[in-house]
Amino acid sequence: MARWLSRRSLSGVGSFAFFAAWFGILIVMLVAQVFDIVSALDLGRHGVRTTGVALSTRSETWNDTDGHPITVNYTKIGFTVGTQRHVEEISGWYATGEKVRIVYDPESVNVVRSEEDTGLGGLAGNFVGIALLLAMLVFGVSFVFSWHRW
């Protein structure tokens, strides 16, 4: 019986470690999503709007867990602030030479986003991500409570 008890307590420790890691990862991802939304909305509210020119676009592709390719595009944008020319990278695909409405932080000009990425419509993907993370968190908590009856 002592042997069974020690194995059970060890598996309990392993389960606890797994769920602690799971919840930790979910919380970090949730905080990152919320931070991204808040910073984008803040930039949209307090940033300076201007027009930049797309200089070049690059793509990054990787496979998700099911082996399906995911491609993300980034475009270098040139714009002028006062007499200084700046080149920064934003997310999205824009044709070379295309004019792009951007918003930059006047205190830190290297913080730039496309104007559409600073509004609620452009952040829809972030809201979906938060909803999925919250659903996973609720599912995990309900699973722990049903698995370990207090």
Protein backbone atom coordinates (compact mmCIF):
# COMPACT_ATOMS: atom_id res chain seq x y z
CA MET A 1 0.00 0.00 0.00
CA ALA A 2 2.83 2.45 0.76
CA ARG A 3 4.24 1.69 -2.68
CA TRP A 4 0.89 2.56 -4.34
CA LEU A 5 0.61 5.76 -2.33
CA SER A 6 4.05 7.00 -3.36
CA ARG A 7 3.35 6.31 -7.05
CA ARG A 8 0.03 8.08 -6.80
CA SER A 9 1.55 11.10 -5.10
CA LEU A 10 4.29 11.24 -7.76
CA SER A 11 1.74 11.12 -10.56
CA GLY A 12 -0.18 13.86 -8.75
CA VAL A 13 2.95 16.00 -8.71
CA GLY A 14 3.47 15.37 -12.43
CA SER A 15 -0.14 16.27 -13.19
CA PHE A 16 0.15 19.41 -11.11
CA ALA A 17 3.37 20.39 -12.92
CA PHE A 18 1.73 19.78 -16.31
CA PHE A 19 -1.32 21.90 -15.49
CA ALA A 20 0.80 24.64 -13.87
CA ALA A 21 2.93 24.83 -17.03
CA TRP A 22 -0.20 24.75 -19.23
CA PHE A 23 -1.86 27.57 -17.32
CA GLY A 24 1.39 29.55 -17.20
CA ILE A 25 1.79 29.38 -20.97
CA LEU A 26 -1.86 30.35 -21.51
CA ILE A 27 -1.57 33.31 -19.15
CA VAL A 28 1.63 34.56 -20.84
CA MET A 29 0.00 34.27 -24.28
CA LEU A 30 -3.13 36.02 -23.02
CA VAL A 31 -1.13 38.90 -21.54
CA ALA A 32 0.85 39.24 -24.80
CA GLN A 33 -2.37 39.42 -26.85
CA VAL A 34 -3.89 42.03 -24.53
CA PHE A 35 -0.66 44.06 -24.56
CA ASP A 36 -0.59 44.00 -28.36
CA ILE A 37 -4.19 45.24 -28.55
CA VAL A 38 -3.63 47.99 -25.99
CA SER A 39 -0.41 49.21 -27.66
CA ALA A 40 -2.04 49.23 -31.12
CA LEU A 41 -5.10 51.14 -29.88
CA ASP A 42 -2.87 53.58 -27.98
CA LEU A 43 -0.74 54.15 -31.09
CA GLY A 44 -3.91 54.69 -33.12
CA ARG A 45 -5.16 57.23 -30.60
CA HIS A 46 -1.93 59.16 -29.92
CA GLY A 47 0.27 58.43 -32.94
CA VAL A 48 1.04 60.63 -35.91
CA ARG A 49 -0.57 59.67 -39.20
CA THR A 50 1.37 59.98 -42.42
CA THR A 51 1.85 58.25 -45.74
CA GLY A 52 4.81 56.01 -46.43
CA VAL A 53 6.00 54.19 -49.53
CA ALA A 54 6.43 50.41 -49.67
CA LEU A 55 10.07 49.65 -50.47
CA SER A 56 10.15 45.85 -50.35
CA THR A 57 8.18 42.92 -48.98
CA ARG A 58 9.43 39.68 -47.48
CA SER A 59 7.58 36.57 -46.41
CA GLU A 60 8.17 34.05 -43.64
CA THR A 61 6.62 30.61 -43.97
CA TRP A 62 6.50 27.75 -41.49
CA ASN A 63 4.26 24.75 -40.89
CA ASP A 64 1.67 24.62 -38.14
CA THR A 65 1.25 21.53 -35.97
CA ASP A 66 -0.88 19.87 -38.66
CA GLY A 67 1.76 20.49 -41.32
CA HIS A 68 -0.17 23.26 -43.08
CA PRO A 69 1.99 26.18 -44.24
CA ILE A 70 1.49 29.57 -42.61
CA THR A 71 2.88 32.62 -44.36
CA VAL A 72 3.32 36.05 -42.77
CA ASN A 73 4.32 39.08 -44.85
CA TYR A 74 6.35 42.10 -43.76
CA THR A 75 6.90 45.28 -45.77
CA LYS A 76 9.64 47.88 -45.37
CA ILE A 77 8.08 51.33 -45.46
CA GLY A 78 9.96 54.56 -46.13
CA PHE A 79 8.58 57.79 -44.69
CA THR A 80 9.80 61.24 -43.74
CA VAL A 81 9.50 62.95 -40.36
CA GLY A 82 10.62 66.55 -40.58
CA THR A 83 13.78 66.35 -42.66
CA GLN A 84 14.75 62.83 -41.63
CA ARG A 85 13.94 59.80 -43.73
CA HIS A 86 13.01 56.61 -41.86
CA VAL A 87 12.65 53.03 -43.00
CA GLU A 88 10.70 50.66 -40.76
CA GLU A 89 9.03 47.29 -41.21
CA ILE A 90 5.30 46.73 -40.74
CA SER A 91 3.19 43.62 -41.07
CA GLY A 92 1.29 43.05 -44.29
CA TRP A 93 1.97 42.77 -48.01
CA TYR A 94 2.18 45.93 -50.07
CA ALA A 95 3.42 46.27 -53.65
CA THR A 96 6.72 48.10 -54.10
CA GLY A 97 6.00 51.80 -54.65
CA GLU A 98 2.51 51.58 -53.14
CA LYS A 99 1.53 54.40 -50.80
CA VAL A 100 0.60 53.14 -47.34
CA ARG A 101 -1.18 55.03 -44.58
CA ILE A 102 0.85 54.53 -41.40
CA VAL A 103 0.84 55.66 -37.78
CA TYR A 104 4.07 56.19 -35.84
CA ASP A 105 4.88 57.11 -32.26
CA PRO A 106 6.27 60.68 -32.24
CA GLU A 107 8.47 59.86 -29.22
CA SER A 108 9.84 56.67 -30.81
CA VAL A 109 9.64 56.90 -34.59
CA ASN A 110 10.64 53.23 -35.02
CA VAL A 111 7.26 52.18 -33.57
CA VAL A 112 5.14 52.05 -36.73
CA ARG A 113 2.01 50.21 -37.83
CA SER A 114 -0.26 50.48 -40.80
CA GLU A 115 -3.24 52.69 -40.04
CA GLU A 116 -5.63 49.76 -40.54
CA ASP A 117 -3.76 47.74 -37.87
CA THR A 118 -4.46 50.34 -35.19
CA GLY A 119 -8.26 50.18 -35.33
CA LEU A 120 -10.72 47.66 -33.99
CA GLY A 121 -11.20 46.07 -37.42
CA GLY A 122 -7.49 45.47 -37.86
CA LEU A 123 -7.27 43.88 -34.43
CA ALA A 124 -10.06 41.35 -35.00
CA GLY A 125 -7.54 38.50 -35.13
CA ASN A 126 -6.20 39.50 -31.72
CA PHE A 127 -9.72 39.45 -30.28
CA VAL A 128 -10.29 35.98 -31.73
CA GLY A 129 -6.99 34.87 -30.20
CA ILE A 130 -8.03 36.18 -26.79
CA ALA A 131 -11.39 34.41 -27.07
CA LEU A 132 -9.64 31.11 -27.91
CA LEU A 133 -7.13 31.49 -25.08
CA LEU A 134 -9.92 32.27 -22.60
CA ALA A 135 -11.87 29.23 -23.82
CA MET A 136 -8.80 27.04 -23.35
CA LEU A 137 -8.26 28.50 -19.89
CA VAL A 138 -11.89 27.87 -18.86
CA PHE A 139 -11.74 24.34 -20.28
CA GLY A 140 -8.52 23.64 -18.38
CA VAL A 141 -9.89 24.96 -15.09
CA SER A 142 -13.13 22.98 -15.48
CA PHE A 143 -11.12 19.85 -16.33
CA VAL A 144 -8.95 20.25 -13.24
CA PHE A 145 -12.00 20.74 -11.02
CA SER A 146 -13.79 17.72 -12.48
CA TRP A 147 -10.64 15.57 -12.34
CA HIS A 148 -9.70 16.51 -8.82
CA ARG A 149 -12.86 16.69 -6.77
CA TRP A 150 -12.14 19.02 -3.88
